[in-house]
Amino acid sequence: MGILTIHLDRATNLKDEDHIGKSDPYFIFECEKDNFGPFDKTYGMQKSSVKQGDLNPVYNETFHFTVPDLDNAVLKIKVMDDDLLTKDDKMGKARIKLEKLGLSETPVHIEEKVYNRIFRKDGYVHLNLSYTP
């Protein structure tokens, strides 16, 4: 079994989902083997801390997933807005095919778009990824 390490550095230009105040973003990471539909294998889900009222939050948080190999492995990323009285709002998402990155023990910096904006800057998540077989 190998270890996939995700270092969540920061996010930039996140979309404000709150009508009053600013969004309180957090990230959900889910790693899975994409076996085409009902045969997918999930390696787990992990959640970052919530950053209150910050659309350019700095996290500096690290997550580890036990993954046998990176063949057809996918990292799903969701950005959510933490809401106290209502259901949390989705702020964006991304999907990274890990096999294509050629990951090793040396971290690789990834800047992944979490959504597109028309007439404004896109939102991004900044990660460092590594894999130790």
C-alpha atoms as a PDB file:
ATOM      1  CA  MET A   1       0.000   0.000   0.000  1.00  0.00           C
ATOM      2  CA  GLY A   2       1.171   3.497  -0.810  1.00  0.00           C
ATOM      3  CA  ILE A   3       0.466   6.881   0.731  1.00  0.00           C
ATOM      4  CA  LEU A   4      -0.973   9.807  -1.223  1.00  0.00           C
ATOM      5  CA  THR A   5      -0.117  13.063   0.545  1.00  0.00           C
ATOM      6  CA  ILE A   6      -2.137  16.193  -0.158  1.00  0.00           C
ATOM      7  CA  HIS A   7      -0.912  19.490   1.215  1.00  0.00           C
ATOM      8  CA  LEU A   8      -3.688  22.082   0.930  1.00  0.00           C
ATOM      9  CA  ASP A   9      -1.803  25.363   0.712  1.00  0.00           C
ATOM     10  CA  ARG A  10      -4.493  27.917  -0.129  1.00  0.00           C
ATOM     11  CA  ALA A  11      -7.375  28.916  -2.386  1.00  0.00           C
ATOM     12  CA  THR A  12      -7.738  32.077  -4.447  1.00  0.00           C
ATOM     13  CA  ASN A  13     -10.679  34.033  -5.869  1.00  0.00           C
ATOM     14  CA  LEU A  14     -13.389  31.856  -4.342  1.00  0.00           C
ATOM     15  CA  LYS A  15     -16.960  32.769  -5.195  1.00  0.00           C
ATOM     16  CA  ASP A  16     -18.996  34.356  -2.388  1.00  0.00           C
ATOM     17  CA  GLU A  17     -22.107  32.235  -1.783  1.00  0.00           C
ATOM     18  CA  ASP A  18     -23.475  34.203   1.190  1.00  0.00           C
ATOM     19  CA  HIS A  19     -26.048  36.961   0.822  1.00  0.00           C
ATOM     20  CA  ILE A  20     -24.994  38.519   4.117  1.00  0.00           C
ATOM     21  CA  GLY A  21     -21.296  38.598   4.962  1.00  0.00           C
ATOM     22  CA  LYS A  22     -18.736  36.412   3.190  1.00  0.00           C
ATOM     23  CA  SER A  23     -18.544  32.681   2.651  1.00  0.00           C
ATOM     24  CA  ASP A  24     -16.831  30.398   5.155  1.00  0.00           C
ATOM     25  CA  PRO A  25     -15.018  27.931   2.865  1.00  0.00           C
ATOM     26  CA  TYR A  26     -13.780  24.437   3.565  1.00  0.00           C
ATOM     27  CA  PHE A  27     -12.546  21.648   1.292  1.00  0.00           C
ATOM     28  CA  ILE A  28     -13.586  18.010   1.013  1.00  0.00           C
ATOM     29  CA  PHE A  29     -11.119  15.580  -0.579  1.00  0.00           C
ATOM     30  CA  GLU A  30     -12.219  12.161  -1.779  1.00  0.00           C
ATOM     31  CA  CYS A  31      -9.813   9.709  -3.367  1.00  0.00           C
ATOM     32  CA  GLU A  32     -11.099   6.807  -5.430  1.00  0.00           C
ATOM     33  CA  LYS A  33     -10.176   4.282  -8.087  1.00  0.00           C
ATOM     34  CA  ASP A  34     -12.297   5.067 -11.148  1.00  0.00           C
ATOM     35  CA  ASN A  35     -13.545   1.668 -12.287  1.00  0.00           C
ATOM     36  CA  PHE A  36     -16.366   3.113 -14.362  1.00  0.00           C
ATOM     37  CA  GLY A  37     -19.505   3.555 -12.301  1.00  0.00           C
ATOM     38  CA  PRO A  38     -20.712   1.041  -9.732  1.00  0.00           C
ATOM     39  CA  PHE A  39     -17.283  -0.614  -9.547  1.00  0.00           C
ATOM     40  CA  ASP A  40     -15.495   2.493  -8.201  1.00  0.00           C
ATOM     41  CA  LYS A  41     -13.448   1.922  -5.044  1.00  0.00           C
ATOM     42  CA  THR A  42     -13.296   4.718  -2.494  1.00  0.00           C
ATOM     43  CA  TYR A  43     -10.135   5.213  -0.444  1.00  0.00           C
ATOM     44  CA  GLY A  44     -11.751   7.676   1.928  1.00  0.00           C
ATOM     45  CA  MET A  45     -12.824  11.263   2.414  1.00  0.00           C
ATOM     46  CA  GLN A  46     -11.209  14.028   4.459  1.00  0.00           C
ATOM     47  CA  LYS A  47     -12.254  17.569   5.283  1.00  0.00           C
ATOM     48  CA  SER A  48     -10.242  20.738   5.912  1.00  0.00           C
ATOM     49  CA  SER A  49     -10.909  23.308   8.584  1.00  0.00           C
ATOM     50  CA  VAL A  50     -13.397  26.129   7.933  1.00  0.00           C
ATOM     51  CA  LYS A  51     -11.992  29.592   7.210  1.00  0.00           C
ATOM     52  CA  GLN A  52     -14.419  32.255   8.377  1.00  0.00           C
ATOM     53  CA  GLY A  53     -15.291  35.046   5.913  1.00  0.00           C
ATOM     54  CA  ASP A  54     -12.268  34.547   3.645  1.00  0.00           C
ATOM     55  CA  LEU A  55     -12.431  34.175  -0.148  1.00  0.00           C
ATOM     56  CA  ASN A  56      -8.627  33.790  -0.417  1.00  0.00           C
ATOM     57  CA  PRO A  57      -8.012  31.462   2.543  1.00  0.00           C
ATOM     58  CA  VAL A  58      -4.660  30.010   3.573  1.00  0.00           C
ATOM     59  CA  TYR A  59      -4.922  26.497   5.036  1.00  0.00           C
ATOM     60  CA  ASN A  60      -1.458  24.909   5.289  1.00  0.00           C
ATOM     61  CA  GLU A  61      -3.097  21.541   6.088  1.00  0.00           C
ATOM     62  CA  THR A  62      -1.925  18.056   5.126  1.00  0.00           C
ATOM     63  CA  PHE A  63      -4.011  14.953   4.413  1.00  0.00           C
ATOM     64  CA  HIS A  64      -2.990  11.331   3.800  1.00  0.00           C
ATOM     65  CA  PHE A  65      -4.805   8.589   1.904  1.00  0.00           C
ATOM     66  CA  THR A  66      -3.759   4.940   1.800  1.00  0.00           C
ATOM     67  CA  VAL A  67      -3.871   4.005  -1.881  1.00  0.00           C
ATOM     68  CA  PRO A  68      -2.500   0.739  -3.359  1.00  0.00           C
ATOM     69  CA  ASP A  69      -1.444   2.419  -6.623  1.00  0.00           C
ATOM     70  CA  LEU A  70      -2.342   5.390  -8.812  1.00  0.00           C
ATOM     71  CA  ASP A  71      -3.778   3.414 -11.759  1.00  0.00           C
ATOM     72  CA  ASN A  72      -7.139   5.076 -12.538  1.00  0.00           C
ATOM     73  CA  ALA A  73      -6.926   6.970  -9.218  1.00  0.00           C
ATOM     74  CA  VAL A  74      -8.894  10.206  -9.037  1.00  0.00           C
ATOM     75  CA  LEU A  75      -8.839  12.986  -6.449  1.00  0.00           C
ATOM     76  CA  LYS A  76     -12.231  14.678  -6.168  1.00  0.00           C
ATOM     77  CA  ILE A  77     -12.230  18.128  -4.599  1.00  0.00           C
ATOM     78  CA  LYS A  78     -15.278  20.034  -3.387  1.00  0.00           C
ATOM     79  CA  VAL A  79     -15.225  23.563  -2.006  1.00  0.00           C
ATOM     80  CA  MET A  80     -18.106  24.185   0.370  1.00  0.00           C
ATOM     81  CA  ASP A  81     -19.474  27.195   2.250  1.00  0.00           C
ATOM     82  CA  ASP A  82     -20.152  26.387   5.900  1.00  0.00           C
ATOM     83  CA  ASP A  83     -23.617  27.657   6.834  1.00  0.00           C
ATOM     84  CA  LEU A  84     -24.908  27.604  10.388  1.00  0.00           C
ATOM     85  CA  LEU A  85     -28.675  27.531   9.840  1.00  0.00           C
ATOM     86  CA  THR A  86     -29.010  26.109   6.326  1.00  0.00           C
ATOM     87  CA  LYS A  87     -27.458  23.391   4.176  1.00  0.00           C
ATOM     88  CA  ASP A  88     -23.841  24.105   3.208  1.00  0.00           C
ATOM     89  CA  ASP A  89     -23.504  25.635  -0.279  1.00  0.00           C
ATOM     90  CA  LYS A  90     -21.259  24.185  -2.978  1.00  0.00           C
ATOM     91  CA  MET A  91     -18.706  26.807  -4.061  1.00  0.00           C
ATOM     92  CA  GLY A  92     -16.895  24.727  -6.667  1.00  0.00           C
ATOM     93  CA  LYS A  93     -15.314  21.417  -7.527  1.00  0.00           C
ATOM     94  CA  ALA A  94     -12.425  19.807  -9.370  1.00  0.00           C
ATOM     95  CA  ARG A  95     -11.358  16.333 -10.425  1.00  0.00           C
ATOM     96  CA  ILE A  96      -7.691  15.389 -10.800  1.00  0.00           C
ATOM     97  CA  LYS A  97      -6.580  12.182 -12.539  1.00  0.00           C
ATOM     98  CA  LEU A  98      -3.603  11.235 -10.382  1.00  0.00           C
ATOM     99  CA  GLU A  99      -2.169   8.627 -12.747  1.00  0.00           C
ATOM    100  CA  LYS A 100      -1.404  11.320 -15.341  1.00  0.00           C
ATOM    101  CA  LEU A 101       0.696  13.384 -12.904  1.00  0.00           C
ATOM    102  CA  GLY A 102       3.513  10.856 -12.499  1.00  0.00           C
ATOM    103  CA  LEU A 103       3.653  11.505  -8.751  1.00  0.00           C
ATOM    104  CA  SER A 104       6.608  10.453  -6.624  1.00  0.00           C
ATOM    105  CA  GLU A 105       7.882  11.197  -3.117  1.00  0.00           C
ATOM    106  CA  THR A 106       8.869  14.683  -4.312  1.00  0.00           C
ATOM    107  CA  PRO A 107       5.853  17.016  -3.972  1.00  0.00           C
ATOM    108  CA  VAL A 108       4.394  18.518  -7.145  1.00  0.00           C
ATOM    109  CA  HIS A 109       2.623  21.888  -7.003  1.00  0.00           C
ATOM    110  CA  ILE A 110      -0.848  21.850  -8.587  1.00  0.00           C
ATOM    111  CA  GLU A 111      -2.999  24.903  -9.235  1.00  0.00           C
ATOM    112  CA  GLU A 112      -6.435  23.511 -10.092  1.00  0.00           C
ATOM    113  CA  LYS A 113      -9.449  25.524 -11.210  1.00  0.00           C
ATOM    114  CA  VAL A 114     -12.478  24.911  -8.976  1.00  0.00           C
ATOM    115  CA  TYR A 115     -14.929  26.846 -11.144  1.00  0.00           C
ATOM    116  CA  ASN A 116     -15.120  29.237 -14.071  1.00  0.00           C
ATOM    117  CA  ARG A 117     -16.282  32.816 -13.834  1.00  0.00           C
ATOM    118  CA  ILE A 118     -17.430  34.994 -16.677  1.00  0.00           C
ATOM    119  CA  PHE A 119     -15.913  38.500 -16.641  1.00  0.00           C
ATOM    120  CA  ARG A 120     -13.985  37.800 -13.391  1.00  0.00           C
ATOM    121  CA  LYS A 121     -10.970  35.787 -12.308  1.00  0.00           C
ATOM    122  CA  ASP A 122     -11.470  32.037 -11.945  1.00  0.00           C
ATOM    123  CA  GLY A 123     -11.240  30.377  -8.528  1.00  0.00           C
ATOM    124  CA  TYR A 124      -8.317  28.044  -7.793  1.00  0.00           C
ATOM    125  CA  VAL A 125      -7.080  25.617  -5.167  1.00  0.00           C
ATOM    126  CA  HIS A 126      -3.300  25.371  -4.636  1.00  0.00           C
ATOM    127  CA  LEU A 127      -2.037  21.929  -3.604  1.00  0.00           C
ATOM    128  CA  ASN A 128       1.191  19.997  -3.266  1.00  0.00           C
ATOM    129  CA  LEU A 129       0.761  16.302  -4.085  1.00  0.00           C
ATOM    130  CA  SER A 130       3.135  13.393  -3.550  1.00  0.00           C
ATOM    131  CA  TYR A 131       2.911   9.602  -3.549  1.00  0.00           C
ATOM    132  CA  THR A 132       5.073   7.151  -1.637  1.00  0.00           C
ATOM    133  CA  PRO A 133       4.664   3.575  -2.935  1.00  0.00           C
END
